Amino acid sequence: MIRTLVPDVLRYGDHSRLGESIYDFPHQWGSKRTGPDLARVGNPNGDGNPKYSNAWHFQHMANPRMIEGSNMPNYPWLFTQKTESARSLVAKLAVQRMLGVPYPDYTEAELAEIVDTQAKEIVADLRGAGAQTEPDREIVALIAYLQKLGKYETVTPVKTATK
C-alpha cells in the first residue's frame, strides 16, 4: 500500500484510497510509489473538471521533462501507432463482463461510434490548442483514458435469473 510520507504528498498529492478502486478489474495495487497517483487526474476535486487539459497531456507525453525534475521518458510511438479496432475492444469487454465487471453489452458498431465520437472531440480540442493528430492514434486513446480517471457514473446492477 502507498505510504503517506509528507514528501510524497507534497510532491505528488494525496494518495488513492482502497474504496476508489474496489471495482477495478484486475486490481493493480502495488507496494511502491513511483511518480504521481493518477487515480483522480480526470476529476481531482470531484467537480467533474479534469486536472490537466487534453493539450497538456499531449505535450507531456511528447516531452515529459516539461515538468522540472521529471525523469519520465518520451513516448513517441503514441503519436504514430494506431489504436486497436472496435472488434478487439468488444472481445475484451466480453471477457471483463464474464469476470463480473458491469460493462454494457455493446455491439461492434455501437462501440465504434462511441470511440469515434470521443476521439473526434479530443482531436478537435487539441486542434484548438494548436496540436495536430489523427483520431485513430494511441495518444488520443491515452488522453481519453486519463481524462476519465476519477470520474464516476452510476452503474445499474445487472439482474441475473435465480433458480
N, C-alpha and C. Protein backbone atom coordinates (compact mmCIF):
# COMPACT_ATOMS: atom_id res chain seq x y z
N MET A 1 0.84 -1.18 0.00
CA MET A 1 0.00 0.00 0.00
C MET A 1 0.89 1.25 0.00
N ILE A 2 0.34 2.31 -0.45
CA ILE A 2 1.08 3.57 -0.52
C ILE A 2 1.25 4.15 0.88
N ARG A 3 2.46 4.55 1.18
CA ARG A 3 2.71 5.20 2.46
C ARG A 3 2.43 6.69 2.31
N THR A 4 1.91 7.28 3.32
CA THR A 4 1.57 8.71 3.26
C THR A 4 2.72 9.54 3.84
N LEU A 5 3.87 9.45 3.22
CA LEU A 5 5.01 10.24 3.65
C LEU A 5 4.81 11.68 3.21
N VAL A 6 5.15 12.61 4.07
CA VAL A 6 4.94 14.02 3.79
C VAL A 6 5.60 14.45 2.47
N PRO A 7 6.87 14.06 2.21
CA PRO A 7 7.46 14.48 0.92
C PRO A 7 6.68 13.97 -0.30
N ASP A 8 6.16 12.72 -0.22
CA ASP A 8 5.37 12.19 -1.33
C ASP A 8 4.09 12.98 -1.52
N VAL A 9 3.41 13.29 -0.45
CA VAL A 9 2.15 14.04 -0.54
C VAL A 9 2.41 15.44 -1.07
N LEU A 10 3.49 16.08 -0.61
CA LEU A 10 3.81 17.42 -1.10
C LEU A 10 4.17 17.41 -2.58
N ARG A 11 4.90 16.38 -3.02
CA ARG A 11 5.33 16.34 -4.42
C ARG A 11 4.22 15.86 -5.35
N TYR A 12 3.49 14.79 -4.95
CA TYR A 12 2.55 14.15 -5.86
C TYR A 12 1.08 14.35 -5.51
N GLY A 13 0.79 14.86 -4.34
CA GLY A 13 -0.60 15.00 -3.94
C GLY A 13 -1.06 13.81 -3.11
N ASP A 14 -2.31 13.85 -2.70
CA ASP A 14 -2.86 12.80 -1.84
C ASP A 14 -2.92 11.48 -2.59
N HIS A 15 -2.83 10.39 -1.85
CA HIS A 15 -2.83 9.05 -2.44
C HIS A 15 -4.25 8.51 -2.59
N SER A 16 -4.35 7.46 -3.39
CA SER A 16 -5.65 6.80 -3.60
C SER A 16 -6.08 6.04 -2.35
N ARG A 17 -7.37 5.89 -2.23
CA ARG A 17 -7.95 5.08 -1.15
C ARG A 17 -8.47 3.78 -1.74
N LEU A 18 -8.53 2.73 -0.95
CA LEU A 18 -8.96 1.42 -1.42
C LEU A 18 -10.34 1.48 -2.07
N GLY A 19 -11.25 2.23 -1.47
CA GLY A 19 -12.61 2.31 -1.99
C GLY A 19 -12.71 2.89 -3.38
N GLU A 20 -11.70 3.66 -3.80
CA GLU A 20 -11.74 4.27 -5.13
C GLU A 20 -11.45 3.28 -6.25
N SER A 21 -10.87 2.15 -5.91
CA SER A 21 -10.54 1.18 -6.95
C SER A 21 -11.14 -0.19 -6.67
N ILE A 22 -12.12 -0.23 -5.81
CA ILE A 22 -12.70 -1.51 -5.42
C ILE A 22 -13.35 -2.24 -6.59
N TYR A 23 -13.82 -1.50 -7.59
CA TYR A 23 -14.45 -2.12 -8.76
C TYR A 23 -13.52 -2.24 -9.96
N ASP A 24 -12.25 -1.93 -9.77
CA ASP A 24 -11.29 -2.09 -10.85
C ASP A 24 -10.99 -3.57 -11.06
N PHE A 25 -10.91 -3.97 -12.31
CA PHE A 25 -10.55 -5.34 -12.64
C PHE A 25 -9.48 -5.31 -13.71
N PRO A 26 -8.34 -5.90 -13.52
CA PRO A 26 -7.87 -6.52 -12.28
C PRO A 26 -7.41 -5.44 -11.31
N HIS A 27 -7.34 -5.81 -10.03
CA HIS A 27 -6.83 -4.87 -9.02
C HIS A 27 -5.34 -4.70 -9.27
N GLN A 28 -4.86 -3.47 -9.22
CA GLN A 28 -3.46 -3.23 -9.52
C GLN A 28 -2.77 -2.47 -8.39
N TRP A 29 -2.95 -2.95 -7.20
CA TRP A 29 -2.29 -2.34 -6.06
C TRP A 29 -0.85 -2.82 -6.00
N GLY A 30 0.04 -1.92 -5.73
CA GLY A 30 1.45 -2.25 -5.62
C GLY A 30 2.00 -1.84 -4.27
N SER A 31 3.29 -2.00 -4.11
CA SER A 31 3.92 -1.67 -2.83
C SER A 31 4.90 -0.51 -2.95
N LYS A 32 5.01 0.09 -4.12
CA LYS A 32 5.96 1.17 -4.32
C LYS A 32 5.28 2.30 -5.08
N ARG A 33 5.55 3.50 -4.66
CA ARG A 33 5.01 4.66 -5.36
C ARG A 33 6.11 5.27 -6.21
N THR A 34 5.90 5.24 -7.51
CA THR A 34 6.83 5.86 -8.44
C THR A 34 6.03 6.87 -9.24
N GLY A 35 6.26 8.13 -8.98
CA GLY A 35 5.53 9.16 -9.69
C GLY A 35 4.19 9.45 -9.05
N PRO A 36 3.43 10.33 -9.67
CA PRO A 36 2.16 10.75 -9.09
C PRO A 36 1.09 9.67 -9.18
N ASP A 37 0.15 9.73 -8.28
CA ASP A 37 -1.01 8.84 -8.28
C ASP A 37 -2.00 9.43 -9.28
N LEU A 38 -2.31 8.68 -10.31
CA LEU A 38 -3.18 9.18 -11.39
C LEU A 38 -4.66 8.85 -11.18
N ALA A 39 -4.99 8.27 -10.04
CA ALA A 39 -6.36 7.77 -9.83
C ALA A 39 -7.43 8.85 -10.01
N ARG A 40 -7.10 10.09 -9.75
CA ARG A 40 -8.10 11.16 -9.84
C ARG A 40 -7.73 12.24 -10.85
N VAL A 41 -6.80 11.96 -11.74
CA VAL A 41 -6.31 13.00 -12.63
C VAL A 41 -7.41 13.58 -13.52
N GLY A 42 -8.43 12.80 -13.83
CA GLY A 42 -9.53 13.29 -14.65
C GLY A 42 -10.56 14.09 -13.88
N ASN A 43 -10.53 14.00 -12.55
CA ASN A 43 -11.53 14.69 -11.72
C ASN A 43 -10.97 14.84 -10.30
N PRO A 44 -9.86 15.58 -10.14
CA PRO A 44 -9.18 15.61 -8.85
C PRO A 44 -9.97 16.24 -7.71
N ASN A 45 -10.85 17.16 -8.02
CA ASN A 45 -11.59 17.85 -6.96
C ASN A 45 -13.02 17.36 -6.82
N GLY A 46 -13.39 16.35 -7.60
CA GLY A 46 -14.74 15.82 -7.55
C GLY A 46 -15.77 16.74 -8.18
N ASP A 47 -15.31 17.72 -8.96
CA ASP A 47 -16.24 18.69 -9.55
C ASP A 47 -16.50 18.43 -11.04
N GLY A 48 -15.94 17.33 -11.57
CA GLY A 48 -16.14 17.00 -12.97
C GLY A 48 -15.14 17.65 -13.91
N ASN A 49 -14.24 18.48 -13.38
CA ASN A 49 -13.25 19.16 -14.22
C ASN A 49 -11.92 18.44 -14.15
N PRO A 50 -11.29 18.17 -15.30
CA PRO A 50 -10.00 17.47 -15.29
C PRO A 50 -8.90 18.35 -14.71
N LYS A 51 -7.87 17.69 -14.19
CA LYS A 51 -6.73 18.41 -13.63
C LYS A 51 -5.92 19.08 -14.74
N TYR A 52 -5.78 18.37 -15.86
CA TYR A 52 -5.00 18.88 -16.97
C TYR A 52 -5.83 18.86 -18.25
N SER A 53 -5.52 19.75 -19.16
CA SER A 53 -6.24 19.80 -20.44
C SER A 53 -5.75 18.66 -21.35
N ASN A 54 -6.50 18.42 -22.41
CA ASN A 54 -6.08 17.44 -23.41
C ASN A 54 -4.74 17.83 -24.01
N ALA A 55 -4.55 19.11 -24.27
CA ALA A 55 -3.30 19.59 -24.86
C ALA A 55 -2.13 19.39 -23.90
N TRP A 56 -2.37 19.55 -22.61
CA TRP A 56 -1.29 19.33 -21.63
C TRP A 56 -0.84 17.87 -21.68
N HIS A 57 -1.79 16.93 -21.68
CA HIS A 57 -1.43 15.51 -21.76
C HIS A 57 -0.67 15.22 -23.06
N PHE A 58 -1.12 15.79 -24.16
CA PHE A 58 -0.48 15.61 -25.46
C PHE A 58 0.98 16.05 -25.40
N GLN A 59 1.21 17.25 -24.89
CA GLN A 59 2.56 17.79 -24.80
C GLN A 59 3.41 17.01 -23.79
N HIS A 60 2.78 16.59 -22.70
CA HIS A 60 3.51 15.86 -21.65
C HIS A 60 4.01 14.51 -22.15
N MET A 61 3.21 13.80 -22.95
CA MET A 61 3.66 12.51 -23.47
C MET A 61 4.75 12.69 -24.52
N ALA A 62 4.73 13.80 -25.23
CA ALA A 62 5.79 14.09 -26.20
C ALA A 62 7.09 14.47 -25.49
N ASN A 63 6.97 15.20 -24.38
CA ASN A 63 8.15 15.65 -23.63
C ASN A 63 7.82 15.75 -22.14
N PRO A 64 7.87 14.63 -21.43
CA PRO A 64 7.53 14.63 -20.00
C PRO A 64 8.43 15.53 -19.16
N ARG A 65 9.61 15.83 -19.65
CA ARG A 65 10.53 16.65 -18.87
C ARG A 65 10.16 18.14 -18.93
N MET A 66 8.96 18.42 -19.48
CA MET A 66 8.44 19.78 -19.36
C MET A 66 8.15 20.07 -17.88
N ILE A 67 8.04 18.99 -17.08
CA ILE A 67 7.90 19.11 -15.64
C ILE A 67 9.31 19.07 -15.05
N GLU A 68 9.69 20.11 -14.35
CA GLU A 68 11.03 20.19 -13.79
C GLU A 68 11.29 19.00 -12.86
N GLY A 69 12.43 18.36 -13.05
CA GLY A 69 12.82 17.24 -12.21
C GLY A 69 12.29 15.89 -12.66
N SER A 70 11.48 15.87 -13.72
CA SER A 70 10.92 14.61 -14.21
C SER A 70 11.99 13.79 -14.92
N ASN A 71 11.97 12.48 -14.68
CA ASN A 71 12.85 11.59 -15.42
C ASN A 71 12.04 10.61 -16.28
N MET A 72 10.78 10.93 -16.46
CA MET A 72 9.89 10.11 -17.27
C MET A 72 10.36 10.18 -18.73
N PRO A 73 10.39 9.03 -19.44
CA PRO A 73 10.83 9.06 -20.83
C PRO A 73 9.76 9.62 -21.77
N ASN A 74 10.17 9.95 -22.99
CA ASN A 74 9.22 10.34 -24.04
C ASN A 74 8.48 9.10 -24.52
N TYR A 75 7.32 9.27 -25.11
CA TYR A 75 6.52 8.18 -25.67
C TYR A 75 6.18 8.50 -27.13
N PRO A 76 7.17 8.55 -28.01
CA PRO A 76 6.92 8.99 -29.39
C PRO A 76 5.99 8.07 -30.18
N TRP A 77 5.95 6.78 -29.87
CA TRP A 77 5.09 5.85 -30.62
C TRP A 77 3.61 6.12 -30.41
N LEU A 78 3.26 6.79 -29.31
CA LEU A 78 1.85 7.11 -29.07
C LEU A 78 1.30 8.01 -30.17
N PHE A 79 2.16 8.75 -30.82
CA PHE A 79 1.75 9.71 -31.84
C PHE A 79 1.71 9.10 -33.24
N THR A 80 2.30 7.90 -33.41
CA THR A 80 2.34 7.26 -34.72
C THR A 80 1.57 5.95 -34.78
N GLN A 81 1.48 5.24 -33.66
CA GLN A 81 0.78 3.94 -33.64
C GLN A 81 -0.73 4.14 -33.64
N LYS A 82 -1.42 3.30 -34.41
CA LYS A 82 -2.88 3.35 -34.44
C LYS A 82 -3.45 2.51 -33.30
N THR A 83 -4.65 2.86 -32.85
CA THR A 83 -5.32 2.11 -31.79
C THR A 83 -5.92 0.83 -32.35
N GLU A 84 -6.35 -0.02 -31.43
CA GLU A 84 -6.99 -1.28 -31.82
C GLU A 84 -8.36 -1.00 -32.42
N SER A 85 -8.88 -1.97 -33.14
CA SER A 85 -10.20 -1.83 -33.74
C SER A 85 -11.28 -2.05 -32.68
N ALA A 86 -12.48 -1.60 -32.99
CA ALA A 86 -13.61 -1.82 -32.08
C ALA A 86 -13.87 -3.31 -31.88
N ARG A 87 -13.57 -4.12 -32.89
CA ARG A 87 -13.78 -5.56 -32.77
C ARG A 87 -12.99 -6.13 -31.59
N SER A 88 -11.72 -5.74 -31.45
CA SER A 88 -10.92 -6.26 -30.34
C SER A 88 -11.43 -5.73 -29.00
N LEU A 89 -11.94 -4.51 -28.99
CA LEU A 89 -12.49 -3.96 -27.75
C LEU A 89 -13.75 -4.69 -27.32
N VAL A 90 -14.58 -5.07 -28.27
CA VAL A 90 -15.80 -5.82 -27.95
C VAL A 90 -15.42 -7.13 -27.27
N ALA A 91 -14.42 -7.82 -27.79
CA ALA A 91 -13.99 -9.09 -27.20
C ALA A 91 -13.42 -8.88 -25.79
N LYS A 92 -12.65 -7.82 -25.60
CA LYS A 92 -12.07 -7.54 -24.27
C LYS A 92 -13.16 -7.21 -23.26
N LEU A 93 -14.16 -6.44 -23.67
CA LEU A 93 -15.27 -6.12 -22.77
C LEU A 93 -16.07 -7.37 -22.42
N ALA A 94 -16.22 -8.29 -23.36
CA ALA A 94 -16.95 -9.53 -23.10
C ALA A 94 -16.23 -10.35 -22.03
N VAL A 95 -14.92 -10.40 -22.08
CA VAL A 95 -14.16 -11.12 -21.06
C VAL A 95 -14.33 -10.44 -19.70
N GLN A 96 -14.27 -9.12 -19.68
CA GLN A 96 -14.45 -8.40 -18.42
C GLN A 96 -15.84 -8.65 -17.83
N ARG A 97 -16.87 -8.69 -18.67
CA ARG A 97 -18.22 -8.98 -18.19
C ARG A 97 -18.29 -10.38 -17.58
N MET A 98 -17.58 -11.35 -18.20
CA MET A 98 -17.55 -12.70 -17.65
C MET A 98 -16.91 -12.72 -16.26
N LEU A 99 -16.00 -11.78 -16.01
CA LEU A 99 -15.34 -11.69 -14.71
C LEU A 99 -16.15 -10.89 -13.69
N GLY A 100 -17.28 -10.34 -14.13
CA GLY A 100 -18.16 -9.63 -13.21
C GLY A 100 -18.16 -8.12 -13.32
N VAL A 101 -17.41 -7.58 -14.28
CA VAL A 101 -17.40 -6.13 -14.47
C VAL A 101 -18.69 -5.75 -15.20
N PRO A 102 -19.45 -4.79 -14.69
CA PRO A 102 -20.76 -4.49 -15.29
C PRO A 102 -20.72 -3.60 -16.52
N TYR A 103 -19.91 -3.99 -17.53
CA TYR A 103 -19.88 -3.25 -18.79
C TYR A 103 -21.14 -3.55 -19.59
N PRO A 104 -21.68 -2.56 -20.27
CA PRO A 104 -22.83 -2.82 -21.16
C PRO A 104 -22.42 -3.76 -22.29
N ASP A 105 -23.39 -4.43 -22.85
CA ASP A 105 -23.15 -5.37 -23.95
C ASP A 105 -23.24 -4.61 -25.28
N TYR A 106 -22.17 -3.87 -25.61
CA TYR A 106 -22.15 -3.08 -26.84
C TYR A 106 -21.93 -3.98 -28.05
N THR A 107 -22.56 -3.61 -29.16
CA THR A 107 -22.23 -4.23 -30.43
C THR A 107 -20.96 -3.57 -30.95
N GLU A 108 -20.35 -4.17 -31.95
CA GLU A 108 -19.14 -3.58 -32.52
C GLU A 108 -19.43 -2.20 -33.09
N ALA A 109 -20.59 -2.04 -33.72
CA ALA A 109 -20.96 -0.74 -34.31
C ALA A 109 -21.18 0.31 -33.22
N GLU A 110 -21.85 -0.07 -32.13
CA GLU A 110 -22.08 0.88 -31.03
C GLU A 110 -20.76 1.32 -30.41
N LEU A 111 -19.88 0.37 -30.16
CA LEU A 111 -18.60 0.70 -29.56
C LEU A 111 -17.76 1.56 -30.49
N ALA A 112 -17.78 1.23 -31.78
CA ALA A 112 -17.03 2.02 -32.76
C ALA A 112 -17.54 3.46 -32.78
N GLU A 113 -18.85 3.66 -32.69
CA GLU A 113 -19.42 5.01 -32.68
C GLU A 113 -19.01 5.79 -31.42
N ILE A 114 -19.03 5.13 -30.27
CA ILE A 114 -18.62 5.78 -29.02
C ILE A 114 -17.16 6.20 -29.10
N VAL A 115 -16.30 5.28 -29.53
CA VAL A 115 -14.87 5.57 -29.64
C VAL A 115 -14.62 6.69 -30.65
N ASP A 116 -15.27 6.62 -31.79
CA ASP A 116 -15.09 7.62 -32.84
C ASP A 116 -15.51 9.01 -32.38
N THR A 117 -16.66 9.08 -31.71
CA THR A 117 -17.16 10.38 -31.22
C THR A 117 -16.21 10.97 -30.20
N GLN A 118 -15.77 10.15 -29.24
CA GLN A 118 -14.86 10.64 -28.21
C GLN A 118 -13.53 11.08 -28.81
N ALA A 119 -13.00 10.29 -29.76
CA ALA A 119 -11.72 10.63 -30.39
C ALA A 119 -11.83 11.94 -31.17
N LYS A 120 -12.91 12.12 -31.90
CA LYS A 120 -13.09 13.35 -32.68
C LYS A 120 -13.18 14.58 -31.77
N GLU A 121 -13.84 14.44 -30.62
CA GLU A 121 -13.93 15.55 -29.67
C GLU A 121 -12.55 15.92 -29.13
N ILE A 122 -11.75 14.92 -28.80
CA ILE A 122 -10.40 15.19 -28.28
C ILE A 122 -9.53 15.82 -29.36
N VAL A 123 -9.58 15.31 -30.58
CA VAL A 123 -8.78 15.85 -31.68
C VAL A 123 -9.18 17.30 -31.97
N ALA A 124 -10.46 17.59 -31.95
CA ALA A 124 -10.92 18.96 -32.18
C ALA A 124 -10.41 19.89 -31.08
N ASP A 125 -10.46 19.42 -29.84
CA ASP A 125 -9.95 20.23 -28.72
C ASP A 125 -8.44 20.45 -28.86
N LEU A 126 -7.72 19.40 -29.24
CA LEU A 126 -6.28 19.54 -29.44
C LEU A 126 -5.98 20.53 -30.56
N ARG A 127 -6.74 20.42 -31.65
CA ARG A 127 -6.54 21.33 -32.78
C ARG A 127 -6.74 22.78 -32.34
N GLY A 128 -7.74 23.01 -31.49
CA GLY A 128 -7.99 24.35 -30.97
C GLY A 128 -6.84 24.89 -30.13
N ALA A 129 -6.05 23.96 -29.58
CA ALA A 129 -4.90 24.35 -28.76
C ALA A 129 -3.60 24.33 -29.56
N GLY A 130 -3.71 24.08 -30.87
CA GLY A 130 -2.53 24.11 -31.73
C GLY A 130 -1.80 22.78 -31.88
N ALA A 131 -2.38 21.68 -31.41
CA ALA A 131 -1.75 20.36 -31.54
C ALA A 131 -2.48 19.57 -32.62
N GLN A 132 -1.72 18.83 -33.41
CA GLN A 132 -2.30 18.07 -34.52
C GLN A 132 -2.06 16.57 -34.34
N THR A 133 -3.10 15.78 -34.52
CA THR A 133 -3.00 14.33 -34.55
C THR A 133 -4.24 13.77 -35.21
N GLU A 134 -4.21 12.50 -35.52
CA GLU A 134 -5.35 11.82 -36.12
C GLU A 134 -6.16 11.15 -35.02
N PRO A 135 -7.48 10.98 -35.20
CA PRO A 135 -8.33 10.39 -34.16
C PRO A 135 -8.01 8.93 -33.83
N ASP A 136 -7.33 8.22 -34.74
CA ASP A 136 -7.06 6.80 -34.50
C ASP A 136 -5.69 6.52 -33.88
N ARG A 137 -5.05 7.52 -33.30
CA ARG A 137 -3.72 7.34 -32.72
C ARG A 137 -3.82 6.98 -31.23
N GLU A 138 -2.81 6.26 -30.75
CA GLU A 138 -2.80 5.81 -29.36
C GLU A 138 -2.79 6.99 -28.38
N ILE A 139 -2.20 8.12 -28.75
CA ILE A 139 -2.18 9.27 -27.85
C ILE A 139 -3.60 9.73 -27.54
N VAL A 140 -4.49 9.66 -28.51
CA VAL A 140 -5.88 10.08 -28.31
C VAL A 140 -6.57 9.12 -27.34
N ALA A 141 -6.33 7.82 -27.50
CA ALA A 141 -6.91 6.83 -26.59
C ALA A 141 -6.37 7.02 -25.17
N LEU A 142 -5.08 7.31 -25.04
CA LEU A 142 -4.49 7.52 -23.71
C LEU A 142 -5.07 8.77 -23.05
N ILE A 143 -5.23 9.83 -23.81
CA ILE A 143 -5.82 11.06 -23.26
C ILE A 143 -7.25 10.78 -22.81
N ALA A 144 -8.02 10.05 -23.61
CA ALA A 144 -9.40 9.70 -23.23
C ALA A 144 -9.40 8.93 -21.91
N TYR A 145 -8.48 7.99 -21.77
CA TYR A 145 -8.38 7.19 -20.54
C TYR A 145 -8.01 8.07 -19.34
N LEU A 146 -6.99 8.89 -19.48
CA LEU A 146 -6.55 9.74 -18.37
C LEU A 146 -7.64 10.71 -17.93
N GLN A 147 -8.37 11.27 -18.90
CA GLN A 147 -9.43 12.22 -18.56
C GLN A 147 -10.62 11.55 -17.88
N LYS A 148 -10.70 10.24 -17.95
CA LYS A 148 -11.80 9.51 -17.32
C LYS A 148 -11.47 9.10 -15.88
N LEU A 149 -10.20 9.07 -15.53
CA LEU A 149 -9.80 8.62 -14.19
C LEU A 149 -10.37 9.53 -13.10
N GLY A 150 -11.06 8.93 -12.17
CA GLY A 150 -11.65 9.67 -11.06
C GLY A 150 -13.07 10.12 -11.30
N LYS A 151 -13.57 9.94 -12.52
CA LYS A 151 -14.95 10.29 -12.82
C LYS A 151 -15.80 9.05 -12.62
N TYR A 152 -16.91 9.22 -11.97
CA TYR A 152 -17.76 8.09 -11.66
C TYR A 152 -19.12 8.25 -12.29
N GLU A 153 -19.67 7.14 -12.73
CA GLU A 153 -21.02 7.12 -13.27
C GLU A 153 -21.82 6.10 -12.49
N THR A 154 -23.09 6.35 -12.36
CA THR A 154 -23.95 5.39 -11.67
C THR A 154 -24.08 4.13 -12.50
N VAL A 155 -23.86 3.00 -11.86
CA VAL A 155 -23.94 1.72 -12.54
C VAL A 155 -25.16 0.98 -12.01
N THR A 156 -26.01 0.55 -12.91
CA THR A 156 -27.19 -0.22 -12.52
C THR A 156 -26.79 -1.69 -12.50
N PRO A 157 -26.97 -2.38 -11.39
CA PRO A 157 -26.59 -3.79 -11.33
C PRO A 157 -27.38 -4.61 -12.35
N VAL A 158 -26.71 -5.58 -12.92
CA VAL A 158 -27.34 -6.48 -13.88
C VAL A 158 -28.09 -7.54 -13.08
N LYS A 159 -29.37 -7.72 -13.39
CA LYS A 159 -30.17 -8.72 -12.70
C LYS A 159 -29.93 -10.07 -13.36
N THR A 160 -29.70 -11.06 -12.54
CA THR A 160 -29.49 -12.41 -13.06
C THR A 160 -30.64 -13.28 -12.67
N ALA A 161 -30.90 -14.28 -13.47
CA ALA A 161 -32.01 -15.21 -13.18
C ALA A 161 -31.65 -16.07 -11.97
N THR A 162 -32.61 -16.30 -11.13
CA THR A 162 -32.41 -17.15 -9.94
C THR A 162 -33.21 -18.42 -10.12
N LYS A 163 -32.71 -19.46 -9.50
CA LYS A 163 -33.41 -20.75 -9.60
C LYS A 163 -34.41 -20.92 -8.50
